[in-house]
Each structure stands twice: as C-alpha cells, then as structure tokens.
Amino acid sequence: TTTTNGRLMLNLKLTIAQNESDQTSDRIKYINQGKIRRHEEVTGKFPYGYTPENKKLKIIEAERPIVQFIFEQILSGSSTHSIAGKVLEEFGIAMAAKRIWRILRNPTYKGERYGIPNFCPAIIPPEQFDKVQDILSFNRQPTKTGIPYYFTGKVICPSCGNILVVNCGKSK
C-alpha cells in the first residue's frame, strides 16, 4: 500500500471480494424467499409444540394440550408466573415464565409465520390468540424514562433467542 499501484490492486481485490459477498447474500435471500412462498421452514429453530416434517411445520400432538392449557390459563386471568407453576403441576414440565410469555406472543400458534397467515397448522384459533394479545397489551409496563422505545420486544438474539432490552443509564 506504499505505492499508487499497490493501493489500486488492494482496492480492486477488496471490491471483488465485496461483490462476491453481495452475490452470495442475494442467492441466500432468493432461496429463503422461495422456501417461504412454498410454506417451507427457513430456520432450524421451531416453537414449542412444533417439529419439522418434509420441510414444513407439524404439530407435536403430545405438546398441543400444554400450549392450549397455557392460552386458556391466561384467558382465565392467570399470570405467566402462576401458569409456569400450573404447567409443572399439571404436566410435569418445568417452564420459565419468560418462555410462557414468548409462547403467548408467538403468532405461529395461530398458524401465522413470517407474516403469512395459514403458513402452518394452528394450535390456537386466531380469535383466541387475538384475545390473549389484548390481555397482554393491558399488562405492558411503562418505561422507566416514560419515553416509549419502539423496538421493545422486537430484537431477538440469534444465539440464545432471548429478547434484547434497552438499558438507559443515568449521566452524572
């Protein structure tokens, strides 16, 4: 990079590498869009109660009653923490309240995935899912600053699946 020709060659190599990376990205996006159009699963992470079969989501019948129980309990006025205890008591499965909250918020259970209705078989009727969403929206706590953060609950860690949260520090 000490000469003019050296900088030119470096820039050419970097440009070619960037172009190859962009082309690879475009190919992967095209393949994933095709899979979604065919209602095939794109990721390897599936919601509780579902398993892949022939590239499509299929309901695990043994887990269906647990998911239905969770939705029925929230409709009867239970909290996610109390539901966790009831699931352990009723089915012998330990679930964290956070996981139950994610199940209640996941539109896959009404058959919608990737924003497409009827993408997969539904465990919960859409009307029941919408009622649960109304209940959960009443329970939303205000932010500490009083200013709404529009990406709350939207950014999910690709490694562990946890919802990332905002932490506003105070300046001295």
N, C-alpha and C. Protein backbone atom coordinates (compact mmCIF):
# COMPACT_ATOMS: atom_id res chain seq x y z
N THR A 1 0.82 -1.21 0.00
CA THR A 1 0.00 0.00 0.00
C THR A 1 0.86 1.27 0.00
N THR A 2 2.15 1.09 -0.20
CA THR A 2 3.04 2.25 -0.18
C THR A 2 3.14 2.90 -1.55
N THR A 3 2.67 2.20 -2.58
CA THR A 3 2.73 2.77 -3.93
C THR A 3 1.32 2.97 -4.48
N THR A 4 1.23 3.75 -5.53
CA THR A 4 -0.06 4.01 -6.17
C THR A 4 -0.65 2.72 -6.74
N ASN A 5 0.19 1.94 -7.43
CA ASN A 5 -0.29 0.67 -7.99
C ASN A 5 -0.67 -0.32 -6.90
N GLY A 6 0.02 -0.32 -5.80
CA GLY A 6 -0.29 -1.21 -4.69
C GLY A 6 -1.66 -0.90 -4.10
N ARG A 7 -1.95 0.40 -3.93
CA ARG A 7 -3.27 0.81 -3.42
C ARG A 7 -4.36 0.45 -4.42
N LEU A 8 -4.08 0.63 -5.72
CA LEU A 8 -5.05 0.28 -6.76
C LEU A 8 -5.38 -1.21 -6.71
N MET A 9 -4.35 -2.05 -6.62
CA MET A 9 -4.56 -3.50 -6.59
C MET A 9 -5.33 -3.92 -5.33
N LEU A 10 -5.01 -3.31 -4.20
CA LEU A 10 -5.73 -3.62 -2.97
C LEU A 10 -7.21 -3.25 -3.09
N ASN A 11 -7.48 -2.07 -3.62
CA ASN A 11 -8.87 -1.64 -3.80
C ASN A 11 -9.62 -2.54 -4.77
N LEU A 12 -8.96 -2.99 -5.82
CA LEU A 12 -9.60 -3.91 -6.77
C LEU A 12 -9.95 -5.23 -6.08
N LYS A 13 -9.02 -5.77 -5.31
CA LYS A 13 -9.27 -7.03 -4.61
C LYS A 13 -10.40 -6.88 -3.59
N LEU A 14 -10.41 -5.78 -2.87
CA LEU A 14 -11.47 -5.55 -1.89
C LEU A 14 -12.83 -5.39 -2.57
N THR A 15 -12.86 -4.72 -3.70
CA THR A 15 -14.12 -4.53 -4.44
C THR A 15 -14.64 -5.86 -4.96
N ILE A 16 -13.76 -6.71 -5.48
CA ILE A 16 -14.17 -8.02 -5.98
C ILE A 16 -14.69 -8.89 -4.83
N ALA A 17 -14.02 -8.83 -3.69
CA ALA A 17 -14.45 -9.61 -2.53
C ALA A 17 -15.83 -9.13 -2.03
N GLN A 18 -16.04 -7.81 -2.03
CA GLN A 18 -17.33 -7.27 -1.60
C GLN A 18 -18.44 -7.70 -2.56
N ASN A 19 -18.14 -7.68 -3.86
CA ASN A 19 -19.12 -8.11 -4.87
C ASN A 19 -19.48 -9.58 -4.68
N GLU A 20 -18.50 -10.42 -4.42
CA GLU A 20 -18.77 -11.85 -4.20
C GLU A 20 -19.64 -12.06 -2.96
N SER A 21 -19.36 -11.29 -1.91
CA SER A 21 -20.15 -11.38 -0.68
C SER A 21 -21.59 -10.94 -0.95
N ASP A 22 -21.78 -9.87 -1.70
CA ASP A 22 -23.12 -9.39 -2.03
C ASP A 22 -23.89 -10.41 -2.87
N GLN A 23 -23.21 -11.04 -3.82
CA GLN A 23 -23.86 -12.05 -4.66
C GLN A 23 -24.30 -13.26 -3.83
N THR A 24 -23.45 -13.69 -2.91
CA THR A 24 -23.80 -14.80 -2.03
C THR A 24 -25.01 -14.45 -1.18
N SER A 25 -25.03 -13.24 -0.65
CA SER A 25 -26.17 -12.79 0.14
C SER A 25 -27.45 -12.80 -0.70
N ASP A 26 -27.38 -12.31 -1.92
CA ASP A 26 -28.56 -12.28 -2.80
C ASP A 26 -29.06 -13.69 -3.08
N ARG A 27 -28.15 -14.65 -3.30
CA ARG A 27 -28.56 -16.03 -3.57
C ARG A 27 -29.28 -16.63 -2.36
N ILE A 28 -28.75 -16.40 -1.18
CA ILE A 28 -29.36 -16.94 0.04
C ILE A 28 -30.74 -16.32 0.27
N LYS A 29 -30.87 -15.01 0.07
CA LYS A 29 -32.17 -14.35 0.22
C LYS A 29 -33.17 -14.90 -0.78
N TYR A 30 -32.74 -15.13 -2.00
CA TYR A 30 -33.63 -15.66 -3.05
C TYR A 30 -34.13 -17.06 -2.68
N ILE A 31 -33.22 -17.89 -2.17
CA ILE A 31 -33.59 -19.26 -1.76
C ILE A 31 -34.58 -19.21 -0.60
N ASN A 32 -34.32 -18.36 0.39
CA ASN A 32 -35.22 -18.26 1.55
C ASN A 32 -36.59 -17.73 1.15
N GLN A 33 -36.64 -16.77 0.23
CA GLN A 33 -37.93 -16.25 -0.24
C GLN A 33 -38.72 -17.35 -0.95
N GLY A 34 -38.03 -18.19 -1.72
CA GLY A 34 -38.70 -19.31 -2.39
C GLY A 34 -39.25 -20.31 -1.38
N LYS A 35 -38.47 -20.59 -0.33
CA LYS A 35 -38.95 -21.51 0.70
C LYS A 35 -40.19 -20.95 1.39
N ILE A 36 -40.18 -19.67 1.69
CA ILE A 36 -41.33 -19.06 2.36
C ILE A 36 -42.55 -19.10 1.45
N ARG A 37 -42.37 -18.86 0.15
CA ARG A 37 -43.51 -18.92 -0.80
C ARG A 37 -44.11 -20.32 -0.84
N ARG A 38 -43.26 -21.35 -0.66
CA ARG A 38 -43.74 -22.74 -0.67
C ARG A 38 -44.17 -23.20 0.72
N HIS A 39 -44.18 -22.28 1.69
CA HIS A 39 -44.54 -22.55 3.09
C HIS A 39 -43.61 -23.58 3.72
N GLU A 40 -42.34 -23.51 3.36
CA GLU A 40 -41.31 -24.37 3.96
C GLU A 40 -40.60 -23.58 5.05
N GLU A 41 -40.11 -24.28 6.04
CA GLU A 41 -39.43 -23.65 7.16
C GLU A 41 -38.03 -23.22 6.72
N VAL A 42 -37.64 -22.03 7.15
CA VAL A 42 -36.35 -21.46 6.77
C VAL A 42 -35.30 -21.68 7.84
N THR A 43 -35.70 -21.60 9.11
CA THR A 43 -34.73 -21.70 10.20
C THR A 43 -34.70 -23.10 10.78
N GLY A 44 -33.78 -23.32 11.70
CA GLY A 44 -33.70 -24.59 12.39
C GLY A 44 -34.25 -24.50 13.79
N LYS A 45 -34.84 -23.37 14.14
CA LYS A 45 -35.39 -23.17 15.48
C LYS A 45 -36.91 -23.13 15.37
N PHE A 46 -37.57 -24.02 16.10
CA PHE A 46 -39.02 -24.16 15.97
C PHE A 46 -39.69 -23.85 17.30
N PRO A 47 -40.89 -23.30 17.26
CA PRO A 47 -41.61 -23.02 18.51
C PRO A 47 -41.99 -24.31 19.23
N TYR A 48 -42.20 -24.18 20.53
CA TYR A 48 -42.62 -25.31 21.35
C TYR A 48 -43.93 -25.84 20.79
N GLY A 49 -44.00 -27.15 20.61
CA GLY A 49 -45.21 -27.78 20.10
C GLY A 49 -45.16 -28.07 18.61
N TYR A 50 -44.08 -27.67 17.96
CA TYR A 50 -43.93 -27.91 16.52
C TYR A 50 -42.63 -28.63 16.23
N THR A 51 -42.64 -29.40 15.15
CA THR A 51 -41.45 -30.10 14.67
C THR A 51 -41.46 -30.06 13.14
N PRO A 52 -40.29 -30.12 12.51
CA PRO A 52 -40.28 -30.12 11.05
C PRO A 52 -40.58 -31.52 10.50
N GLU A 53 -41.36 -31.55 9.44
CA GLU A 53 -41.60 -32.80 8.72
C GLU A 53 -41.74 -32.44 7.24
N ASN A 54 -40.86 -32.99 6.42
CA ASN A 54 -40.83 -32.67 4.99
C ASN A 54 -40.73 -31.16 4.76
N LYS A 55 -39.86 -30.49 5.52
CA LYS A 55 -39.56 -29.07 5.43
C LYS A 55 -40.71 -28.16 5.85
N LYS A 56 -41.76 -28.73 6.42
CA LYS A 56 -42.89 -27.93 6.90
C LYS A 56 -43.10 -28.20 8.38
N LEU A 57 -43.74 -27.26 9.06
CA LEU A 57 -44.00 -27.44 10.48
C LEU A 57 -45.19 -28.37 10.70
N LYS A 58 -45.02 -29.27 11.65
CA LYS A 58 -46.08 -30.20 12.03
C LYS A 58 -46.26 -30.10 13.54
N ILE A 59 -47.49 -30.22 14.00
CA ILE A 59 -47.79 -30.12 15.42
C ILE A 59 -47.37 -31.41 16.12
N ILE A 60 -46.70 -31.28 17.26
CA ILE A 60 -46.39 -32.41 18.13
C ILE A 60 -47.62 -32.61 19.00
N GLU A 61 -48.36 -33.65 18.75
CA GLU A 61 -49.65 -33.87 19.42
C GLU A 61 -49.52 -33.98 20.94
N ALA A 62 -48.40 -34.50 21.42
CA ALA A 62 -48.21 -34.63 22.87
C ALA A 62 -48.04 -33.26 23.54
N GLU A 63 -47.57 -32.25 22.79
CA GLU A 63 -47.35 -30.92 23.36
C GLU A 63 -48.51 -29.97 23.09
N ARG A 64 -49.42 -30.34 22.20
CA ARG A 64 -50.57 -29.48 21.88
C ARG A 64 -51.38 -29.12 23.13
N PRO A 65 -51.73 -30.10 24.01
CA PRO A 65 -52.54 -29.74 25.19
C PRO A 65 -51.83 -28.75 26.12
N ILE A 66 -50.52 -28.79 26.17
CA ILE A 66 -49.78 -27.88 27.04
C ILE A 66 -49.93 -26.45 26.53
N VAL A 67 -49.76 -26.27 25.22
CA VAL A 67 -49.90 -24.94 24.62
C VAL A 67 -51.33 -24.43 24.81
N GLN A 68 -52.31 -25.29 24.57
CA GLN A 68 -53.71 -24.89 24.74
C GLN A 68 -53.99 -24.53 26.19
N PHE A 69 -53.41 -25.29 27.12
CA PHE A 69 -53.58 -25.02 28.54
C PHE A 69 -53.03 -23.64 28.90
N ILE A 70 -51.85 -23.30 28.36
CA ILE A 70 -51.22 -22.00 28.63
C ILE A 70 -52.14 -20.87 28.17
N PHE A 71 -52.69 -20.99 26.95
CA PHE A 71 -53.57 -19.95 26.43
C PHE A 71 -54.87 -19.86 27.23
N GLU A 72 -55.42 -21.00 27.63
CA GLU A 72 -56.66 -21.00 28.43
C GLU A 72 -56.43 -20.35 29.79
N GLN A 73 -55.27 -20.61 30.38
CA GLN A 73 -54.96 -20.05 31.70
C GLN A 73 -54.83 -18.54 31.66
N ILE A 74 -54.22 -18.00 30.61
CA ILE A 74 -54.07 -16.54 30.53
C ILE A 74 -55.45 -15.90 30.32
N LEU A 75 -56.33 -16.59 29.59
CA LEU A 75 -57.68 -16.07 29.39
C LEU A 75 -58.51 -16.11 30.67
N SER A 76 -58.17 -17.04 31.57
CA SER A 76 -58.91 -17.12 32.84
C SER A 76 -58.33 -16.19 33.90
N GLY A 77 -57.31 -15.40 33.53
CA GLY A 77 -56.79 -14.38 34.45
C GLY A 77 -55.51 -14.73 35.16
N SER A 78 -54.87 -15.84 34.84
CA SER A 78 -53.62 -16.21 35.50
C SER A 78 -52.45 -15.40 34.94
N SER A 79 -51.41 -15.28 35.76
CA SER A 79 -50.18 -14.62 35.32
C SER A 79 -49.24 -15.66 34.73
N THR A 80 -48.22 -15.20 34.02
CA THR A 80 -47.27 -16.15 33.42
C THR A 80 -46.51 -16.92 34.50
N HIS A 81 -46.24 -16.28 35.63
CA HIS A 81 -45.55 -16.98 36.72
C HIS A 81 -46.43 -18.08 37.32
N SER A 82 -47.70 -17.79 37.52
CA SER A 82 -48.57 -18.82 38.07
C SER A 82 -48.82 -19.94 37.05
N ILE A 83 -48.85 -19.57 35.75
CA ILE A 83 -49.01 -20.59 34.72
C ILE A 83 -47.83 -21.54 34.72
N ALA A 84 -46.63 -21.01 34.94
CA ALA A 84 -45.43 -21.86 34.99
C ALA A 84 -45.58 -22.93 36.07
N GLY A 85 -46.08 -22.52 37.24
CA GLY A 85 -46.31 -23.49 38.31
C GLY A 85 -47.39 -24.49 37.97
N LYS A 86 -48.45 -24.03 37.31
CA LYS A 86 -49.55 -24.92 36.94
C LYS A 86 -49.12 -25.93 35.87
N VAL A 87 -48.27 -25.50 34.94
CA VAL A 87 -47.77 -26.42 33.90
C VAL A 87 -46.91 -27.49 34.55
N LEU A 88 -46.09 -27.12 35.52
CA LEU A 88 -45.27 -28.10 36.24
C LEU A 88 -46.16 -29.07 37.01
N GLU A 89 -47.16 -28.54 37.66
CA GLU A 89 -48.07 -29.37 38.45
C GLU A 89 -48.92 -30.29 37.58
N GLU A 90 -49.44 -29.75 36.48
CA GLU A 90 -50.38 -30.50 35.62
C GLU A 90 -49.68 -31.49 34.68
N PHE A 91 -48.55 -31.04 34.09
CA PHE A 91 -47.91 -31.85 33.04
C PHE A 91 -46.52 -32.35 33.42
N GLY A 92 -45.97 -31.85 34.53
CA GLY A 92 -44.64 -32.27 34.95
C GLY A 92 -43.52 -31.67 34.12
N ILE A 93 -43.79 -30.55 33.49
CA ILE A 93 -42.78 -29.89 32.64
C ILE A 93 -42.47 -28.53 33.25
N ALA A 94 -41.18 -28.30 33.51
CA ALA A 94 -40.75 -27.03 34.06
C ALA A 94 -40.56 -26.03 32.93
N MET A 95 -41.26 -24.92 33.02
CA MET A 95 -41.15 -23.84 32.04
C MET A 95 -40.98 -22.53 32.78
N ALA A 96 -40.09 -21.70 32.28
CA ALA A 96 -39.92 -20.38 32.88
C ALA A 96 -41.06 -19.47 32.43
N ALA A 97 -41.37 -18.49 33.25
CA ALA A 97 -42.43 -17.54 32.91
C ALA A 97 -42.10 -16.80 31.62
N LYS A 98 -40.82 -16.55 31.39
CA LYS A 98 -40.39 -15.86 30.16
C LYS A 98 -40.73 -16.70 28.93
N ARG A 99 -40.52 -18.00 29.03
CA ARG A 99 -40.84 -18.90 27.91
C ARG A 99 -42.35 -18.92 27.66
N ILE A 100 -43.12 -18.93 28.72
CA ILE A 100 -44.57 -18.91 28.57
C ILE A 100 -45.01 -17.60 27.92
N TRP A 101 -44.38 -16.50 28.32
CA TRP A 101 -44.69 -15.21 27.70
C TRP A 101 -44.39 -15.25 26.21
N ARG A 102 -43.25 -15.85 25.82
CA ARG A 102 -42.91 -15.97 24.39
C ARG A 102 -43.91 -16.82 23.64
N ILE A 103 -44.37 -17.90 24.25
CA ILE A 103 -45.39 -18.76 23.63
C ILE A 103 -46.66 -17.95 23.39
N LEU A 104 -47.06 -17.18 24.39
CA LEU A 104 -48.29 -16.40 24.28
C LEU A 104 -48.19 -15.31 23.21
N ARG A 105 -47.00 -14.83 22.93
CA ARG A 105 -46.81 -13.76 21.95
C ARG A 105 -46.51 -14.26 20.54
N ASN A 106 -46.26 -15.55 20.37
CA ASN A 106 -45.82 -16.09 19.09
C ASN A 106 -47.00 -16.36 18.16
N PRO A 107 -47.10 -15.64 17.02
CA PRO A 107 -48.24 -15.84 16.11
C PRO A 107 -48.23 -17.18 15.38
N THR A 108 -47.16 -17.95 15.51
CA THR A 108 -47.12 -19.28 14.89
C THR A 108 -48.25 -20.15 15.43
N TYR A 109 -48.62 -19.95 16.69
CA TYR A 109 -49.65 -20.79 17.30
C TYR A 109 -51.03 -20.57 16.70
N LYS A 110 -51.22 -19.44 16.00
CA LYS A 110 -52.49 -19.24 15.28
C LYS A 110 -52.33 -19.56 13.79
N GLY A 111 -51.15 -20.11 13.42
CA GLY A 111 -50.91 -20.54 12.04
C GLY A 111 -50.19 -19.51 11.20
N GLU A 112 -49.78 -18.39 11.78
CA GLU A 112 -49.10 -17.33 11.03
C GLU A 112 -47.61 -17.38 11.29
N ARG A 113 -46.83 -17.37 10.24
CA ARG A 113 -45.36 -17.37 10.37
C ARG A 113 -44.80 -16.51 9.26
N TYR A 114 -43.75 -15.75 9.54
CA TYR A 114 -43.12 -14.85 8.57
C TYR A 114 -44.15 -13.85 8.03
N GLY A 115 -45.16 -13.54 8.83
CA GLY A 115 -46.18 -12.59 8.42
C GLY A 115 -47.20 -13.15 7.44
N ILE A 116 -47.19 -14.46 7.22
CA ILE A 116 -48.09 -15.10 6.26
C ILE A 116 -49.14 -15.91 7.03
N PRO A 117 -50.43 -15.54 6.89
CA PRO A 117 -51.47 -16.34 7.55
C PRO A 117 -51.56 -17.73 6.93
N ASN A 118 -51.99 -18.71 7.71
CA ASN A 118 -52.13 -20.11 7.27
C ASN A 118 -50.82 -20.69 6.73
N PHE A 119 -49.71 -20.26 7.31
CA PHE A 119 -48.40 -20.79 6.90
C PHE A 119 -48.21 -22.21 7.41
N CYS A 120 -48.73 -22.48 8.60
CA CYS A 120 -48.58 -23.79 9.22
C CYS A 120 -49.87 -24.12 9.98
N PRO A 121 -50.03 -25.37 10.43
CA PRO A 121 -51.24 -25.70 11.18
C PRO A 121 -51.29 -24.93 12.51
N ALA A 122 -52.46 -24.48 12.86
CA ALA A 122 -52.64 -23.69 14.08
C ALA A 122 -53.00 -24.59 15.26
N ILE A 123 -52.45 -24.26 16.42
CA ILE A 123 -52.81 -24.95 17.65
C ILE A 123 -53.94 -24.18 18.34
N ILE A 124 -53.90 -22.86 18.20
CA ILE A 124 -54.87 -21.97 18.84
C ILE A 124 -55.69 -21.27 17.76
N PRO A 125 -57.01 -21.17 17.92
CA PRO A 125 -57.80 -20.40 16.94
C PRO A 125 -57.35 -18.93 16.93
N PRO A 126 -57.34 -18.29 15.76
CA PRO A 126 -56.89 -16.90 15.68
C PRO A 126 -57.65 -15.95 16.60
N GLU A 127 -58.96 -16.19 16.81
CA GLU A 127 -59.74 -15.32 17.68
C GLU A 127 -59.23 -15.41 19.12
N GLN A 128 -58.93 -16.61 19.56
CA GLN A 128 -58.41 -16.81 20.92
C GLN A 128 -57.04 -16.15 21.06
N PHE A 129 -56.19 -16.30 20.06
CA PHE A 129 -54.86 -15.69 20.08
C PHE A 129 -54.99 -14.16 20.19
N ASP A 130 -55.92 -13.58 19.43
CA ASP A 130 -56.10 -12.13 19.45
C ASP A 130 -56.61 -11.65 20.81
N LYS A 131 -57.48 -12.42 21.45
CA LYS A 131 -57.96 -12.07 22.79
C LYS A 131 -56.81 -12.05 23.79
N VAL A 132 -55.91 -13.04 23.66
CA VAL A 132 -54.75 -13.10 24.55
C VAL A 132 -53.85 -11.90 24.32
N GLN A 133 -53.69 -11.48 23.07
CA GLN A 133 -52.85 -10.32 22.78
C GLN A 133 -53.44 -9.06 23.41
N ASP A 134 -54.77 -8.95 23.40
CA ASP A 134 -55.42 -7.81 24.04
C ASP A 134 -55.15 -7.81 25.54
N ILE A 135 -55.24 -8.97 26.16
CA ILE A 135 -54.98 -9.09 27.59
C ILE A 135 -53.53 -8.71 27.90
N LEU A 136 -52.60 -9.22 27.10
CA LEU A 136 -51.18 -8.94 27.35
C LEU A 136 -50.84 -7.47 27.10
N SER A 137 -51.56 -6.81 26.20
CA SER A 137 -51.26 -5.40 25.94
C SER A 137 -51.66 -4.52 27.13
N PHE A 138 -52.66 -4.95 27.91
CA PHE A 138 -53.05 -4.20 29.11
C PHE A 138 -51.97 -4.30 30.19
N ASN A 139 -51.21 -5.38 30.17
CA ASN A 139 -50.20 -5.62 31.20
C ASN A 139 -48.86 -4.96 30.91
N ARG A 140 -48.77 -4.25 29.81
CA ARG A 140 -47.49 -3.63 29.44
C ARG A 140 -47.13 -2.55 30.46
N GLN A 141 -45.92 -2.65 30.99
CA GLN A 141 -45.48 -1.69 31.99
C GLN A 141 -44.85 -0.48 31.30
N PRO A 142 -45.04 0.70 31.85
CA PRO A 142 -44.42 1.88 31.26
C PRO A 142 -42.90 1.83 31.43
N THR A 143 -42.20 2.48 30.53
CA THR A 143 -40.73 2.51 30.62
C THR A 143 -40.31 3.39 31.79
N LYS A 144 -39.10 3.19 32.26
CA LYS A 144 -38.60 3.96 33.39
C LYS A 144 -38.50 5.44 33.05
N THR A 145 -38.15 5.73 31.81
CA THR A 145 -37.99 7.12 31.40
C THR A 145 -39.32 7.75 31.00
N GLY A 146 -40.34 6.93 30.76
CA GLY A 146 -41.62 7.45 30.30
C GLY A 146 -41.67 7.62 28.79
N ILE A 147 -40.54 7.41 28.13
CA ILE A 147 -40.46 7.55 26.67
C ILE A 147 -40.58 6.15 26.07
N PRO A 148 -41.51 5.94 25.15
CA PRO A 148 -41.65 4.59 24.56
C PRO A 148 -40.46 4.26 23.67
N TYR A 149 -40.00 3.04 23.76
CA TYR A 149 -38.93 2.55 22.90
C TYR A 149 -39.57 1.61 21.89
N TYR A 150 -39.53 1.99 20.62
CA TYR A 150 -40.31 1.32 19.58
C TYR A 150 -39.83 -0.09 19.24
N PHE A 151 -38.62 -0.43 19.62
CA PHE A 151 -38.10 -1.75 19.28
C PHE A 151 -38.17 -2.72 20.44
N THR A 152 -38.89 -2.36 21.51
CA THR A 152 -39.04 -3.24 22.66
C THR A 152 -39.69 -4.55 22.24
N GLY A 153 -39.03 -5.66 22.56
CA GLY A 153 -39.56 -6.98 22.24
C GLY A 153 -39.38 -7.40 20.80
N LYS A 154 -38.72 -6.57 19.99
CA LYS A 154 -38.58 -6.87 18.56
C LYS A 154 -37.21 -7.46 18.21
N VAL A 155 -36.17 -7.07 18.96
CA VAL A 155 -34.82 -7.51 18.66
C VAL A 155 -34.53 -8.77 19.47
N ILE A 156 -34.28 -9.87 18.75
CA ILE A 156 -34.08 -11.17 19.41
C ILE A 156 -32.67 -11.66 19.11
N CYS A 157 -31.98 -12.11 20.13
CA CYS A 157 -30.61 -12.62 19.99
C CYS A 157 -30.63 -13.88 19.12
N PRO A 158 -29.84 -13.92 18.04
CA PRO A 158 -29.85 -15.09 17.18
C PRO A 158 -29.21 -16.32 17.84
N SER A 159 -28.40 -16.13 18.86
CA SER A 159 -27.73 -17.26 19.51
C SER A 159 -28.63 -17.96 20.53
N CYS A 160 -29.17 -17.15 21.46
CA CYS A 160 -29.91 -17.76 22.57
C CYS A 160 -31.43 -17.58 22.46
N GLY A 161 -31.89 -16.68 21.59
CA GLY A 161 -33.32 -16.47 21.41
C GLY A 161 -33.95 -15.54 22.43
N ASN A 162 -33.15 -14.94 23.31
CA ASN A 162 -33.70 -14.01 24.30
C ASN A 162 -34.01 -12.67 23.65
N ILE A 163 -35.02 -12.01 24.18
CA ILE A 163 -35.39 -10.69 23.68
C ILE A 163 -34.44 -9.68 24.31
N LEU A 164 -33.81 -8.87 23.48
CA LEU A 164 -32.88 -7.87 23.97
C LEU A 164 -33.66 -6.68 24.52
N VAL A 165 -33.14 -6.09 25.58
CA VAL A 165 -33.83 -4.97 26.24
C VAL A 165 -32.93 -3.75 26.24
N VAL A 166 -33.56 -2.60 26.42
CA VAL A 166 -32.83 -1.34 26.47
C VAL A 166 -32.49 -1.05 27.93
N ASN A 167 -31.30 -0.57 28.17
CA ASN A 167 -30.89 -0.18 29.49
C ASN A 167 -30.43 1.27 29.41
N CYS A 168 -31.21 2.17 29.93
CA CYS A 168 -30.87 3.58 29.90
C CYS A 168 -30.11 3.94 31.16
N GLY A 169 -28.86 4.29 31.02
CA GLY A 169 -28.07 4.69 32.17
C GLY A 169 -28.27 6.16 32.47
N LYS A 170 -27.91 6.56 33.66
CA LYS A 170 -28.04 7.98 34.04
C LYS A 170 -26.67 8.62 33.96
N SER A 171 -26.63 9.79 33.38
CA SER A 171 -25.35 10.53 33.32
C SER A 171 -25.20 11.33 34.59
N LYS A 172 -23.96 11.49 35.00
CA LYS A 172 -23.69 12.20 36.26
C LYS A 172 -23.49 13.67 36.01
